Each structure stands twice: as C-alpha cells, then as structure tokens.
C-alpha cells in the first residue's frame, strides 16, 4: 500500500509540474499579446486587448482548473501516504522492538516531515 501511494505521488507530482509549465506558458503568451515595442507610444485599451486575445484567457482558465484538480489529487496522495505510514507504524509497534527496516523507514519519513 505504501509503495503504491509513493508511486501515485510521483505520477501526480509530474502532472502538477506539467500543469505549472502550461500555466506559465499561458501567462507568457498573454504578456506577449499585450507587450508593445518600446518605440510605440500607442495606448492599450484593456477591453480591446481582452477581446482580441480571448482564446488565450480561456486556455489560461482551463489550465488553471486542471492545475487545481491535480493539486487536489496530489494532496490526496499525501494523505494516503500519511495514513499508510500511520497504519504501518501502529502495526510495527505491536510486532517489533523498533529496530526493523520498516521502523527505520517510518522514522526517516517522520524526520523528513519535520523539515
């Protein structure tokens, strides 16, 4: 169970990373849409800019929703790992004196969570 949770955490972390890249690209595209060469003195009217680049804003909105969903999944993965570690810790206290590899793994995970 614990290995599955870490595997899922890794996969979902990659998805979240990809989502952040997409959102970053969306913001960059919007910034380029509104950017002006330094030599021009033309003023930008926000309503005209938004209308002419509406597709970029729609893509940004879509990517932000996907990022939100993937962050929720990632949070769920952390909760599953915490539950698995707690269950393993509880079981190990009943079965061992605290010197097994599982006990060392649990102690390392606990120490890491304190960072």
C-alpha atoms as a PDB file:
ATOM      1  CA  UNK A   1       0.000   0.000   0.000  1.00  0.00           C
ATOM      2  CA  UNK A   2       2.772   2.409   0.906  1.00  0.00           C
ATOM      3  CA  UNK A   3       4.722   1.734  -2.295  1.00  0.00           C
ATOM      4  CA  UNK A   4       1.565   2.323  -4.365  1.00  0.00           C
ATOM      5  CA  UNK A   5       0.958   5.616  -2.581  1.00  0.00           C
ATOM      6  CA  UNK A   6       4.514   6.829  -3.264  1.00  0.00           C
ATOM      7  CA  UNK A   7       4.225   5.717  -6.896  1.00  0.00           C
ATOM      8  CA  UNK A   8       0.949   7.643  -7.300  1.00  0.00           C
ATOM      9  CA  UNK A   9       2.504  10.658  -5.559  1.00  0.00           C
ATOM     10  CA  UNK A  10       5.342  10.657  -8.066  1.00  0.00           C
ATOM     11  CA  UNK A  11       2.996  10.457 -11.040  1.00  0.00           C
ATOM     12  CA  UNK A  12       0.726  13.181  -9.740  1.00  0.00           C
ATOM     13  CA  UNK A  13       3.719  15.392  -8.924  1.00  0.00           C
ATOM     14  CA  UNK A  14       4.801  15.140 -12.557  1.00  0.00           C
ATOM     15  CA  UNK A  15       1.272  16.103 -13.672  1.00  0.00           C
ATOM     16  CA  UNK A  16       1.305  19.145 -11.383  1.00  0.00           C
ATOM     17  CA  UNK A  17       4.702  20.157 -12.722  1.00  0.00           C
ATOM     18  CA  UNK A  18       3.395  19.893 -16.286  1.00  0.00           C
ATOM     19  CA  UNK A  19       0.346  21.953 -15.300  1.00  0.00           C
ATOM     20  CA  UNK A  20       2.549  24.711 -13.848  1.00  0.00           C
ATOM     21  CA  UNK A  21       4.533  24.788 -17.110  1.00  0.00           C
ATOM     22  CA  UNK A  22       1.296  25.140 -19.115  1.00  0.00           C
ATOM     23  CA  UNK A  23       0.016  27.951 -16.876  1.00  0.00           C
ATOM     24  CA  UNK A  24       3.381  29.675 -17.104  1.00  0.00           C
ATOM     25  CA  UNK A  25       3.268  29.422 -20.902  1.00  0.00           C
ATOM     26  CA  UNK A  26      -0.271  30.848 -20.868  1.00  0.00           C
ATOM     27  CA  UNK A  27       0.835  33.857 -18.803  1.00  0.00           C
ATOM     28  CA  UNK A  28       3.818  34.367 -21.093  1.00  0.00           C
ATOM     29  CA  UNK A  29       1.567  34.265 -24.161  1.00  0.00           C
ATOM     30  CA  UNK A  30      -0.804  36.813 -22.626  1.00  0.00           C
ATOM     31  CA  UNK A  31       2.125  39.048 -21.674  1.00  0.00           C
ATOM     32  CA  UNK A  32       3.417  38.861 -25.244  1.00  0.00           C
ATOM     33  CA  UNK A  33      -0.062  39.663 -26.557  1.00  0.00           C
ATOM     34  CA  UNK A  34      -0.146  42.869 -24.535  1.00  0.00           C
ATOM     35  CA  UNK A  35       3.517  43.759 -24.926  1.00  0.00           C
ATOM     36  CA  UNK A  36       4.446  46.679 -27.118  1.00  0.00           C
ATOM     37  CA  UNK A  37       7.675  47.583 -28.800  1.00  0.00           C
ATOM     38  CA  UNK A  38       9.388  50.375 -26.870  1.00  0.00           C
ATOM     39  CA  UNK A  39       9.272  52.738 -29.864  1.00  0.00           C
ATOM     40  CA  UNK A  40       5.473  52.886 -29.968  1.00  0.00           C
ATOM     41  CA  UNK A  41       3.517  55.337 -27.875  1.00  0.00           C
ATOM     42  CA  UNK A  42       0.145  53.759 -28.595  1.00  0.00           C
ATOM     43  CA  UNK A  43      -2.010  53.130 -25.536  1.00  0.00           C
ATOM     44  CA  UNK A  44      -3.591  49.758 -24.932  1.00  0.00           C
ATOM     45  CA  UNK A  45      -7.250  49.603 -24.119  1.00  0.00           C
ATOM     46  CA  UNK A  46      -7.809  46.642 -21.840  1.00  0.00           C
ATOM     47  CA  UNK A  47     -11.244  45.742 -23.180  1.00  0.00           C
ATOM     48  CA  UNK A  48      -9.951  45.614 -26.752  1.00  0.00           C
ATOM     49  CA  UNK A  49      -6.950  43.543 -25.701  1.00  0.00           C
ATOM     50  CA  UNK A  50      -9.058  41.046 -23.799  1.00  0.00           C
ATOM     51  CA  UNK A  51     -11.485  40.655 -26.682  1.00  0.00           C
ATOM     52  CA  UNK A  52      -8.768  40.195 -29.262  1.00  0.00           C
ATOM     53  CA  UNK A  53      -6.944  37.620 -27.104  1.00  0.00           C
ATOM     54  CA  UNK A  54      -9.937  35.900 -25.513  1.00  0.00           C
ATOM     55  CA  UNK A  55      -8.729  32.453 -26.592  1.00  0.00           C
ATOM     56  CA  UNK A  56      -5.555  32.903 -24.531  1.00  0.00           C
ATOM     57  CA  UNK A  57      -7.600  33.790 -21.440  1.00  0.00           C
ATOM     58  CA  UNK A  58      -9.890  30.803 -21.995  1.00  0.00           C
ATOM     59  CA  UNK A  59      -6.861  28.496 -22.274  1.00  0.00           C
ATOM     60  CA  UNK A  60      -5.412  30.007 -19.090  1.00  0.00           C
ATOM     61  CA  UNK A  61      -8.702  29.421 -17.280  1.00  0.00           C
ATOM     62  CA  UNK A  62      -8.831  25.815 -18.472  1.00  0.00           C
ATOM     63  CA  UNK A  63      -5.221  25.163 -17.455  1.00  0.00           C
ATOM     64  CA  UNK A  64      -5.799  26.712 -14.026  1.00  0.00           C
ATOM     65  CA  UNK A  65      -8.786  24.412 -13.458  1.00  0.00           C
ATOM     66  CA  UNK A  66      -6.689  21.390 -14.434  1.00  0.00           C
ATOM     67  CA  UNK A  67      -3.907  22.541 -12.116  1.00  0.00           C
ATOM     68  CA  UNK A  68      -6.420  22.884  -9.282  1.00  0.00           C
ATOM     69  CA  UNK A  69      -7.744  19.357  -9.846  1.00  0.00           C
ATOM     70  CA  UNK A  70      -4.245  17.890  -9.994  1.00  0.00           C
ATOM     71  CA  UNK A  71      -3.218  19.725  -6.813  1.00  0.00           C
ATOM     72  CA  UNK A  72      -6.225  18.175  -5.066  1.00  0.00           C
ATOM     73  CA  UNK A  73      -5.113  14.742  -6.270  1.00  0.00           C
ATOM     74  CA  UNK A  74      -1.600  15.426  -5.029  1.00  0.00           C
ATOM     75  CA  UNK A  75      -2.962  16.421  -1.632  1.00  0.00           C
ATOM     76  CA  UNK A  76      -4.941  13.188  -1.536  1.00  0.00           C
ATOM     77  CA  UNK A  77      -1.754  11.268  -2.279  1.00  0.00           C
ATOM     78  CA  UNK A  78      -0.032  12.888   0.702  1.00  0.00           C
ATOM     79  CA  UNK A  79      -2.974  11.938   2.895  1.00  0.00           C
ATOM     80  CA  UNK A  80      -2.825   8.323   1.683  1.00  0.00           C
ATOM     81  CA  UNK A  81       0.885   8.179   2.457  1.00  0.00           C
ATOM     82  CA  UNK A  82       0.283   9.617   5.914  1.00  0.00           C
ATOM     83  CA  UNK A  83      -2.443   7.051   6.571  1.00  0.00           C
ATOM     84  CA  UNK A  84      -0.255   4.201   5.293  1.00  0.00           C
ATOM     85  CA  UNK A  85       2.664   5.349   7.431  1.00  0.00           C
ATOM     86  CA  UNK A  86       0.436   5.655  10.476  1.00  0.00           C
ATOM     87  CA  UNK A  87      -1.007   2.190   9.894  1.00  0.00           C
ATOM     88  CA  UNK A  88       2.453   0.692   9.352  1.00  0.00           C
ATOM     89  CA  UNK A  89       3.766   2.429  12.452  1.00  0.00           C
ATOM     90  CA  UNK A  90       0.863   1.157  14.534  1.00  0.00           C
ATOM     91  CA  UNK A  91       1.373  -2.398  13.272  1.00  0.00           C
ATOM     92  CA  UNK A  92       5.122  -2.269  13.794  1.00  0.00           C
ATOM     93  CA  UNK A  93       4.753  -1.252  17.448  1.00  0.00           C
ATOM     94  CA  UNK A  94       2.769  -4.406  18.046  1.00  0.00           C
ATOM     95  CA  UNK A  95       5.221  -6.661  16.197  1.00  0.00           C
ATOM     96  CA  UNK A  96       8.728  -5.379  16.878  1.00  0.00           C
ATOM     97  CA  UNK A  97      11.073  -3.686  19.250  1.00  0.00           C
ATOM     98  CA  UNK A  98      11.670  -0.759  16.911  1.00  0.00           C
ATOM     99  CA  UNK A  99      14.801  -1.908  15.083  1.00  0.00           C
ATOM    100  CA  UNK A 100      13.332  -3.208  11.810  1.00  0.00           C
ATOM    101  CA  UNK A 101      13.819  -1.674   8.389  1.00  0.00           C
ATOM    102  CA  UNK A 102      10.184  -0.540   8.460  1.00  0.00           C
ATOM    103  CA  UNK A 103      10.755   1.242  11.757  1.00  0.00           C
ATOM    104  CA  UNK A 104      13.793   2.977  10.297  1.00  0.00           C
ATOM    105  CA  UNK A 105      11.789   3.977   7.201  1.00  0.00           C
ATOM    106  CA  UNK A 106       8.986   5.343   9.357  1.00  0.00           C
ATOM    107  CA  UNK A 107      11.454   7.280  11.488  1.00  0.00           C
ATOM    108  CA  UNK A 108      13.088   8.730   8.371  1.00  0.00           C
ATOM    109  CA  UNK A 109       9.682   9.747   6.965  1.00  0.00           C
ATOM    110  CA  UNK A 110       8.790  11.330  10.284  1.00  0.00           C
ATOM    111  CA  UNK A 111      12.112  13.214  10.420  1.00  0.00           C
ATOM    112  CA  UNK A 112      11.636  14.382   6.833  1.00  0.00           C
ATOM    113  CA  UNK A 113       8.142  15.674   7.641  1.00  0.00           C
ATOM    114  CA  UNK A 114       9.613  17.862  10.376  1.00  0.00           C
ATOM    115  CA  UNK A 115      11.846  19.752   7.888  1.00  0.00           C
END
